[in-house]
N, C-alpha and C. Protein backbone atom coordinates (compact mmCIF):
# COMPACT_ATOMS: atom_id res chain seq x y z
N UNK A 1 0.84 -1.17 0.00
CA UNK A 1 0.00 0.00 0.00
C UNK A 1 0.89 1.24 0.00
N UNK A 2 0.55 2.18 -0.84
CA UNK A 2 1.34 3.41 -0.90
C UNK A 2 0.88 4.38 0.15
N UNK A 3 1.84 5.08 0.70
CA UNK A 3 1.50 6.13 1.65
C UNK A 3 1.18 7.40 0.89
N UNK A 4 0.26 8.16 1.41
CA UNK A 4 -0.07 9.41 0.74
C UNK A 4 1.03 10.42 0.96
N UNK A 5 1.19 11.29 -0.04
CA UNK A 5 2.22 12.31 0.05
C UNK A 5 1.64 13.59 0.62
N UNK A 6 2.53 14.42 1.10
CA UNK A 6 2.05 15.70 1.60
C UNK A 6 1.64 16.57 0.43
N UNK A 7 0.82 17.53 0.69
CA UNK A 7 0.28 18.37 -0.36
C UNK A 7 1.38 19.19 -1.03
N UNK A 8 2.35 19.62 -0.28
CA UNK A 8 3.40 20.47 -0.84
C UNK A 8 4.22 19.74 -1.89
N UNK A 9 4.35 18.43 -1.77
CA UNK A 9 5.12 17.68 -2.75
C UNK A 9 4.41 17.58 -4.09
N UNK A 10 3.10 17.55 -4.06
CA UNK A 10 2.36 17.35 -5.30
C UNK A 10 2.01 18.67 -6.00
N UNK A 11 2.12 19.77 -5.33
CA UNK A 11 1.80 21.03 -5.97
C UNK A 11 2.86 21.35 -7.02
N UNK A 12 2.40 21.90 -8.12
CA UNK A 12 3.32 22.25 -9.19
C UNK A 12 3.20 23.74 -9.45
N UNK A 13 4.31 24.41 -9.38
CA UNK A 13 4.32 25.83 -9.65
C UNK A 13 4.21 26.04 -11.15
N UNK A 14 3.64 27.16 -11.54
CA UNK A 14 3.45 27.45 -12.96
C UNK A 14 4.80 27.63 -13.62
N UNK A 15 5.01 26.86 -14.70
CA UNK A 15 6.24 26.98 -15.46
C UNK A 15 7.36 26.07 -14.98
N UNK A 16 7.20 25.39 -13.88
CA UNK A 16 8.24 24.50 -13.37
C UNK A 16 7.84 23.05 -13.61
N UNK A 17 8.79 22.27 -14.07
CA UNK A 17 8.61 20.84 -14.29
C UNK A 17 7.40 20.53 -15.17
N UNK A 18 7.25 21.26 -16.23
CA UNK A 18 6.17 21.01 -17.18
C UNK A 18 6.64 19.91 -18.12
N UNK A 19 5.76 18.98 -18.42
CA UNK A 19 6.15 17.87 -19.28
C UNK A 19 6.44 18.32 -20.71
N UNK A 20 5.62 19.20 -21.23
CA UNK A 20 5.79 19.65 -22.61
C UNK A 20 6.12 21.13 -22.60
N UNK A 21 7.29 21.44 -23.10
CA UNK A 21 7.70 22.84 -23.19
C UNK A 21 7.77 23.21 -24.67
N UNK A 22 7.19 24.33 -25.00
CA UNK A 22 7.22 24.77 -26.39
C UNK A 22 7.87 26.14 -26.47
N UNK A 23 8.44 26.40 -27.62
CA UNK A 23 9.01 27.72 -27.89
C UNK A 23 8.17 28.34 -28.99
N UNK A 24 7.26 29.22 -28.58
CA UNK A 24 6.41 29.91 -29.54
C UNK A 24 6.74 31.39 -29.48
N UNK A 25 6.64 31.99 -30.63
CA UNK A 25 6.91 33.42 -30.67
C UNK A 25 5.74 34.17 -30.03
N UNK A 26 6.02 35.36 -29.59
CA UNK A 26 5.00 36.20 -28.97
C UNK A 26 3.90 36.52 -29.97
N UNK A 27 4.26 36.77 -31.22
CA UNK A 27 3.28 37.15 -32.24
C UNK A 27 2.31 35.99 -32.48
N UNK A 28 2.84 34.77 -32.56
CA UNK A 28 1.97 33.62 -32.79
C UNK A 28 1.03 33.41 -31.61
N UNK A 29 1.53 33.52 -30.40
CA UNK A 29 0.67 33.37 -29.22
C UNK A 29 -0.39 34.46 -29.18
N UNK A 30 -0.02 35.68 -29.51
CA UNK A 30 -0.96 36.80 -29.53
C UNK A 30 -2.06 36.57 -30.55
N UNK A 31 -1.70 36.08 -31.74
CA UNK A 31 -2.69 35.83 -32.79
C UNK A 31 -3.63 34.71 -32.36
N UNK A 32 -3.11 33.65 -31.74
CA UNK A 32 -3.96 32.56 -31.27
C UNK A 32 -4.96 33.04 -30.22
N UNK A 33 -4.49 33.82 -29.28
CA UNK A 33 -5.38 34.33 -28.22
C UNK A 33 -6.41 35.28 -28.82
N UNK A 34 -5.99 36.13 -29.73
CA UNK A 34 -6.91 37.08 -30.36
C UNK A 34 -7.99 36.35 -31.15
N UNK A 35 -7.60 35.34 -31.94
CA UNK A 35 -8.59 34.59 -32.72
C UNK A 35 -9.54 33.81 -31.81
N UNK A 36 -9.02 33.28 -30.72
CA UNK A 36 -9.87 32.57 -29.77
C UNK A 36 -10.93 33.51 -29.19
N UNK A 37 -10.50 34.69 -28.80
CA UNK A 37 -11.45 35.67 -28.24
C UNK A 37 -12.48 36.08 -29.28
N UNK A 38 -12.04 36.30 -30.51
CA UNK A 38 -12.96 36.71 -31.58
C UNK A 38 -14.01 35.63 -31.82
N UNK A 39 -13.59 34.37 -31.88
CA UNK A 39 -14.55 33.30 -32.14
C UNK A 39 -15.49 33.06 -30.97
N UNK A 40 -15.01 33.25 -29.73
CA UNK A 40 -15.92 33.13 -28.58
C UNK A 40 -16.96 34.26 -28.60
N UNK A 41 -16.55 35.46 -28.94
CA UNK A 41 -17.49 36.57 -29.04
C UNK A 41 -18.50 36.31 -30.16
N UNK A 42 -18.01 35.81 -31.29
CA UNK A 42 -18.90 35.48 -32.40
C UNK A 42 -19.93 34.42 -31.98
N UNK A 43 -19.49 33.39 -31.27
CA UNK A 43 -20.40 32.35 -30.79
C UNK A 43 -21.45 32.94 -29.85
N UNK A 44 -21.03 33.82 -28.96
CA UNK A 44 -21.97 34.45 -28.06
C UNK A 44 -23.00 35.30 -28.82
N UNK A 45 -22.54 36.06 -29.81
CA UNK A 45 -23.45 36.93 -30.58
C UNK A 45 -24.46 36.09 -31.36
N UNK A 46 -24.00 35.01 -32.01
CA UNK A 46 -24.92 34.17 -32.78
C UNK A 46 -25.93 33.50 -31.85
N UNK A 47 -25.47 33.03 -30.70
CA UNK A 47 -26.37 32.41 -29.74
C UNK A 47 -27.41 33.41 -29.25
N UNK A 48 -26.97 34.60 -28.91
CA UNK A 48 -27.91 35.63 -28.45
C UNK A 48 -28.86 36.06 -29.57
N UNK A 49 -28.37 36.07 -30.81
CA UNK A 49 -29.17 36.43 -31.98
C UNK A 49 -30.37 35.48 -32.10
N UNK A 50 -30.12 34.17 -32.04
CA UNK A 50 -31.21 33.21 -32.17
C UNK A 50 -32.05 33.13 -30.91
N UNK A 51 -31.44 33.24 -29.75
CA UNK A 51 -32.20 33.19 -28.50
C UNK A 51 -33.13 34.38 -28.37
N UNK A 52 -32.65 35.57 -28.75
CA UNK A 52 -33.51 36.75 -28.66
C UNK A 52 -34.68 36.66 -29.62
N UNK A 53 -34.47 36.01 -30.77
CA UNK A 53 -35.59 35.85 -31.71
C UNK A 53 -36.60 34.86 -31.16
N UNK A 54 -36.12 33.79 -30.52
CA UNK A 54 -37.05 32.81 -29.95
C UNK A 54 -37.83 33.40 -28.78
N UNK A 55 -37.18 34.25 -27.99
CA UNK A 55 -37.84 34.86 -26.83
C UNK A 55 -38.52 36.19 -27.17
N UNK A 56 -38.41 36.60 -28.42
CA UNK A 56 -38.97 37.86 -28.90
C UNK A 56 -38.45 39.06 -28.10
N UNK A 57 -37.16 39.06 -27.86
CA UNK A 57 -36.48 40.15 -27.14
C UNK A 57 -35.66 40.97 -28.13
N UNK A 58 -35.65 42.25 -27.94
CA UNK A 58 -34.84 43.13 -28.77
C UNK A 58 -34.17 44.16 -27.88
N UNK A 59 -32.89 43.99 -27.65
CA UNK A 59 -32.15 45.07 -27.01
C UNK A 59 -31.49 45.90 -28.11
N UNK A 60 -30.83 46.97 -27.74
CA UNK A 60 -30.35 47.89 -28.78
C UNK A 60 -29.22 47.30 -29.62
N UNK A 61 -28.41 46.40 -29.04
CA UNK A 61 -27.29 45.84 -29.79
C UNK A 61 -27.77 44.80 -30.81
N UNK A 62 -28.61 43.89 -30.36
CA UNK A 62 -29.08 42.84 -31.25
C UNK A 62 -30.06 43.41 -32.27
N UNK A 63 -30.82 44.45 -31.89
CA UNK A 63 -31.72 45.10 -32.84
C UNK A 63 -30.93 45.77 -33.96
N UNK A 64 -29.78 46.33 -33.62
CA UNK A 64 -28.92 46.92 -34.64
C UNK A 64 -28.43 45.86 -35.62
N UNK A 65 -28.06 44.70 -35.08
CA UNK A 65 -27.60 43.61 -35.94
C UNK A 65 -28.73 43.10 -36.83
N UNK A 66 -29.92 42.97 -36.26
CA UNK A 66 -31.06 42.48 -37.04
C UNK A 66 -31.43 43.46 -38.14
N UNK A 67 -31.37 44.74 -37.84
CA UNK A 67 -31.70 45.72 -38.88
C UNK A 67 -30.60 45.78 -39.94
N UNK A 68 -29.35 45.54 -39.55
CA UNK A 68 -28.27 45.52 -40.53
C UNK A 68 -28.41 44.31 -41.45
N UNK A 69 -28.88 43.20 -40.91
CA UNK A 69 -29.10 41.99 -41.73
C UNK A 69 -30.47 41.98 -42.39
N UNK A 70 -31.31 42.95 -42.07
CA UNK A 70 -32.64 43.10 -42.65
C UNK A 70 -33.50 41.86 -42.37
N UNK A 71 -33.51 41.42 -41.10
CA UNK A 71 -34.33 40.29 -40.69
C UNK A 71 -35.14 40.70 -39.46
N UNK A 72 -36.23 39.99 -39.27
CA UNK A 72 -37.06 40.21 -38.09
C UNK A 72 -37.07 38.93 -37.25
N UNK A 73 -37.64 39.03 -36.05
CA UNK A 73 -37.74 37.85 -35.20
C UNK A 73 -38.56 36.75 -35.86
N UNK A 74 -39.59 37.15 -36.61
CA UNK A 74 -40.42 36.17 -37.31
C UNK A 74 -39.61 35.42 -38.36
N UNK A 75 -38.77 36.14 -39.10
CA UNK A 75 -37.92 35.49 -40.10
C UNK A 75 -36.98 34.47 -39.45
N UNK A 76 -36.40 34.84 -38.33
CA UNK A 76 -35.47 33.95 -37.64
C UNK A 76 -36.20 32.74 -37.09
N UNK A 77 -37.39 32.95 -36.51
CA UNK A 77 -38.18 31.82 -36.01
C UNK A 77 -38.60 30.90 -37.15
N UNK A 78 -38.94 31.47 -38.30
CA UNK A 78 -39.28 30.64 -39.47
C UNK A 78 -38.07 29.81 -39.91
N UNK A 79 -36.88 30.39 -39.88
CA UNK A 79 -35.67 29.66 -40.24
C UNK A 79 -35.41 28.52 -39.26
N UNK A 80 -35.57 28.78 -37.99
CA UNK A 80 -35.37 27.74 -36.97
C UNK A 80 -36.43 26.64 -37.14
N UNK A 81 -37.67 27.03 -37.39
CA UNK A 81 -38.74 26.04 -37.60
C UNK A 81 -38.44 25.18 -38.83
N UNK A 82 -37.96 25.81 -39.89
CA UNK A 82 -37.62 25.05 -41.10
C UNK A 82 -36.48 24.07 -40.81
N UNK A 83 -35.48 24.49 -40.06
CA UNK A 83 -34.37 23.60 -39.71
C UNK A 83 -34.83 22.42 -38.87
N UNK A 84 -35.71 22.68 -37.90
CA UNK A 84 -36.24 21.59 -37.07
C UNK A 84 -37.09 20.65 -37.92
N UNK A 85 -37.89 21.18 -38.82
CA UNK A 85 -38.72 20.36 -39.70
C UNK A 85 -37.86 19.48 -40.60
N UNK A 86 -36.78 20.03 -41.15
CA UNK A 86 -35.87 19.24 -41.99
C UNK A 86 -35.22 18.14 -41.18
N UNK A 87 -34.78 18.44 -39.95
CA UNK A 87 -34.15 17.43 -39.11
C UNK A 87 -35.13 16.30 -38.77
N UNK A 88 -36.36 16.64 -38.45
CA UNK A 88 -37.36 15.62 -38.14
C UNK A 88 -37.66 14.78 -39.39
N UNK A 89 -37.78 15.43 -40.54
CA UNK A 89 -38.06 14.71 -41.78
C UNK A 89 -36.93 13.74 -42.12
N UNK A 90 -35.69 14.18 -41.98
CA UNK A 90 -34.56 13.31 -42.28
C UNK A 90 -34.46 12.16 -41.28
N UNK A 91 -34.79 12.42 -40.03
CA UNK A 91 -34.79 11.36 -39.02
C UNK A 91 -35.84 10.30 -39.35
N UNK A 92 -37.02 10.74 -39.75
CA UNK A 92 -38.09 9.79 -40.13
C UNK A 92 -37.67 9.01 -41.37
N UNK A 93 -37.08 9.70 -42.34
CA UNK A 93 -36.61 9.04 -43.55
C UNK A 93 -35.56 7.97 -43.24
N UNK A 94 -34.60 8.29 -42.37
CA UNK A 94 -33.58 7.32 -41.99
C UNK A 94 -34.18 6.15 -41.22
N UNK A 95 -35.16 6.41 -40.38
CA UNK A 95 -35.83 5.33 -39.64
C UNK A 95 -36.57 4.40 -40.60
N UNK A 96 -37.28 4.96 -41.58
CA UNK A 96 -38.00 4.14 -42.55
C UNK A 96 -37.02 3.34 -43.39
N UNK A 97 -35.91 3.96 -43.79
CA UNK A 97 -34.89 3.27 -44.58
C UNK A 97 -34.28 2.11 -43.79
N UNK A 98 -34.01 2.33 -42.52
CA UNK A 98 -33.46 1.28 -41.66
C UNK A 98 -34.45 0.12 -41.53
N UNK A 99 -35.73 0.45 -41.33
CA UNK A 99 -36.75 -0.58 -41.19
C UNK A 99 -36.88 -1.38 -42.49
N UNK A 100 -36.88 -0.70 -43.62
CA UNK A 100 -36.96 -1.37 -44.92
C UNK A 100 -35.77 -2.32 -45.11
N UNK A 101 -34.56 -1.84 -44.80
CA UNK A 101 -33.37 -2.67 -44.98
C UNK A 101 -33.38 -3.88 -44.05
N UNK A 102 -33.89 -3.71 -42.84
CA UNK A 102 -33.97 -4.84 -41.91
C UNK A 102 -34.95 -5.89 -42.42
N UNK A 103 -36.10 -5.45 -42.96
CA UNK A 103 -37.09 -6.41 -43.45
C UNK A 103 -36.64 -7.05 -44.76
N UNK A 104 -36.01 -6.28 -45.61
CA UNK A 104 -35.62 -6.77 -46.93
C UNK A 104 -34.36 -7.63 -46.87
N UNK A 105 -33.33 -7.16 -46.15
CA UNK A 105 -32.04 -7.83 -46.17
C UNK A 105 -31.66 -8.47 -44.84
N UNK A 106 -32.53 -8.38 -43.84
CA UNK A 106 -32.21 -8.91 -42.52
C UNK A 106 -31.89 -10.39 -42.46
N UNK A 107 -32.71 -11.24 -43.11
CA UNK A 107 -32.45 -12.68 -42.97
C UNK A 107 -31.24 -13.18 -43.75
N UNK A 108 -30.67 -12.36 -44.63
CA UNK A 108 -29.54 -12.82 -45.44
C UNK A 108 -28.29 -12.98 -44.59
N UNK A 109 -27.57 -14.05 -44.83
CA UNK A 109 -26.29 -14.29 -44.16
C UNK A 109 -25.21 -14.33 -45.24
N UNK A 110 -24.62 -13.21 -45.50
CA UNK A 110 -23.62 -13.13 -46.56
C UNK A 110 -22.21 -13.40 -46.05
N UNK A 111 -21.94 -13.01 -44.85
CA UNK A 111 -20.58 -13.12 -44.34
C UNK A 111 -20.39 -14.45 -43.63
N UNK A 112 -19.21 -15.00 -43.83
CA UNK A 112 -18.87 -16.24 -43.16
C UNK A 112 -17.68 -15.95 -42.25
N UNK A 113 -17.67 -16.54 -41.07
CA UNK A 113 -16.53 -16.31 -40.19
C UNK A 113 -15.28 -16.93 -40.79
N UNK A 114 -14.13 -16.31 -40.58
CA UNK A 114 -12.90 -16.85 -41.16
C UNK A 114 -12.55 -18.20 -40.52
N UNK A 115 -11.95 -19.04 -41.33
CA UNK A 115 -11.54 -20.35 -40.81
C UNK A 115 -10.29 -20.16 -39.96
N UNK A 116 -10.08 -21.00 -38.96
CA UNK A 116 -8.88 -20.87 -38.13
C UNK A 116 -7.61 -21.09 -38.96
N UNK A 117 -6.59 -20.30 -38.65
CA UNK A 117 -5.31 -20.42 -39.35
C UNK A 117 -4.55 -21.61 -38.79
N UNK A 118 -4.04 -22.41 -39.69
CA UNK A 118 -3.28 -23.59 -39.28
C UNK A 118 -1.79 -23.28 -39.31
N UNK A 119 -1.02 -24.18 -38.71
CA UNK A 119 0.44 -24.01 -38.72
C UNK A 119 0.96 -24.15 -40.15
N UNK A 120 0.33 -24.98 -40.95
CA UNK A 120 0.73 -25.12 -42.35
C UNK A 120 0.55 -23.80 -43.11
N UNK A 121 -0.55 -23.10 -42.82
CA UNK A 121 -0.77 -21.80 -43.47
C UNK A 121 0.34 -20.82 -43.10
N UNK A 122 0.73 -20.78 -41.82
CA UNK A 122 1.81 -19.89 -41.40
C UNK A 122 3.13 -20.28 -42.04
N UNK A 123 3.40 -21.57 -42.16
CA UNK A 123 4.64 -22.02 -42.81
C UNK A 123 4.64 -21.68 -44.29
N UNK A 124 3.47 -21.79 -44.95
CA UNK A 124 3.37 -21.49 -46.38
C UNK A 124 3.62 -20.02 -46.68
N UNK A 125 3.36 -19.15 -45.70
CA UNK A 125 3.64 -17.73 -45.91
C UNK A 125 5.13 -17.47 -46.05
N UNK A 126 5.93 -18.25 -45.32
CA UNK A 126 7.38 -18.09 -45.41
C UNK A 126 7.92 -16.87 -44.71
N UNK A 127 7.15 -16.30 -43.80
CA UNK A 127 7.61 -15.10 -43.10
C UNK A 127 8.32 -15.42 -41.79
N UNK A 128 8.02 -16.58 -41.21
CA UNK A 128 8.62 -16.98 -39.93
C UNK A 128 9.07 -18.43 -40.07
N UNK A 129 10.21 -18.76 -39.48
CA UNK A 129 10.69 -20.14 -39.49
C UNK A 129 9.76 -21.03 -38.68
N UNK A 130 9.73 -22.31 -39.05
CA UNK A 130 8.84 -23.26 -38.38
C UNK A 130 9.22 -23.43 -36.91
N UNK A 131 10.50 -23.36 -36.58
CA UNK A 131 10.92 -23.51 -35.19
C UNK A 131 10.43 -22.35 -34.33
N UNK A 132 10.42 -21.17 -34.90
CA UNK A 132 9.94 -19.99 -34.15
C UNK A 132 8.43 -20.08 -33.95
N UNK A 133 7.72 -20.59 -34.95
CA UNK A 133 6.27 -20.76 -34.80
C UNK A 133 5.97 -21.73 -33.67
N UNK A 134 6.73 -22.81 -33.59
CA UNK A 134 6.54 -23.77 -32.50
C UNK A 134 6.84 -23.13 -31.15
N UNK A 135 7.92 -22.35 -31.07
CA UNK A 135 8.24 -21.66 -29.82
C UNK A 135 7.13 -20.70 -29.41
N UNK A 136 6.57 -19.98 -30.38
CA UNK A 136 5.49 -19.05 -30.08
C UNK A 136 4.26 -19.77 -29.54
N UNK A 137 4.02 -20.99 -30.01
CA UNK A 137 2.86 -21.73 -29.55
C UNK A 137 3.08 -22.37 -28.19
N UNK A 138 4.33 -22.68 -27.84
CA UNK A 138 4.59 -23.43 -26.61
C UNK A 138 4.99 -22.55 -25.44
N UNK A 139 5.88 -21.59 -25.65
CA UNK A 139 6.42 -20.80 -24.55
C UNK A 139 5.46 -19.68 -24.15
N UNK A 140 5.47 -19.36 -22.87
CA UNK A 140 4.62 -18.26 -22.39
C UNK A 140 5.30 -16.91 -22.59
N UNK A 141 6.63 -16.87 -22.36
CA UNK A 141 7.38 -15.62 -22.51
C UNK A 141 8.52 -15.87 -23.47
N UNK A 142 8.61 -15.04 -24.50
CA UNK A 142 9.68 -15.15 -25.48
C UNK A 142 10.28 -13.77 -25.68
N UNK A 143 11.60 -13.68 -25.67
CA UNK A 143 12.30 -12.42 -25.92
C UNK A 143 13.15 -12.61 -27.15
N UNK A 144 12.92 -11.78 -28.15
CA UNK A 144 13.69 -11.84 -29.38
C UNK A 144 14.69 -10.68 -29.40
N UNK A 145 15.89 -10.96 -29.86
CA UNK A 145 16.90 -9.92 -30.02
C UNK A 145 16.60 -9.08 -31.25
N UNK A 146 16.11 -9.73 -32.29
CA UNK A 146 15.69 -9.01 -33.50
C UNK A 146 14.35 -9.59 -33.95
N UNK A 147 13.66 -8.86 -34.76
CA UNK A 147 12.33 -9.25 -35.22
C UNK A 147 12.43 -10.54 -36.04
N UNK A 148 11.72 -11.61 -35.65
CA UNK A 148 11.82 -12.87 -36.40
C UNK A 148 11.04 -12.86 -37.71
N UNK A 149 10.19 -11.89 -37.91
CA UNK A 149 9.39 -11.85 -39.14
C UNK A 149 10.24 -11.27 -40.25
N UNK A 150 10.30 -12.00 -41.38
CA UNK A 150 11.11 -11.56 -42.52
C UNK A 150 10.43 -10.38 -43.19
N UNK A 151 11.24 -9.49 -43.75
CA UNK A 151 10.73 -8.32 -44.47
C UNK A 151 10.13 -8.73 -45.80
N UNK A 152 9.06 -8.06 -46.19
CA UNK A 152 8.46 -8.29 -47.50
C UNK A 152 9.19 -7.45 -48.53
N UNK A 153 9.65 -8.08 -49.59
CA UNK A 153 10.33 -7.34 -50.66
C UNK A 153 9.30 -6.97 -51.70
N UNK A 154 9.21 -5.68 -51.97
CA UNK A 154 8.21 -5.21 -52.94
C UNK A 154 8.86 -4.86 -54.22
């Protein structure tokens, strides 16, 4: 049983003993952080855009965006309704297709399980010597100095 360590031993200070250290330029790090912030803001704006249309809310910022895009809450709700209708229609279509395929092709057994490989088959491949195949079948632990499988010449 292992003894628990004190908390001070497991704490890691920032920048010390990090497993992966990278050397990135300041410009690249700045661009990554800036793009991350821009995309998070964009995600928030789009989410608020659709949420405000569903809740029929108009504050001055989102109303400015809606007027710039020349859309109303009704237009946005119609778009969301159309998207939900398409998703439901495609789900029903896939369910019907699955049911048809199960009834039409369900009883067919096309695939056969592979037959067990025999020692003769392994010998016929010529990739491993017969003595090594026997050792692999009999010994529990085997350590090879080099790979016993011969290279394929193409």
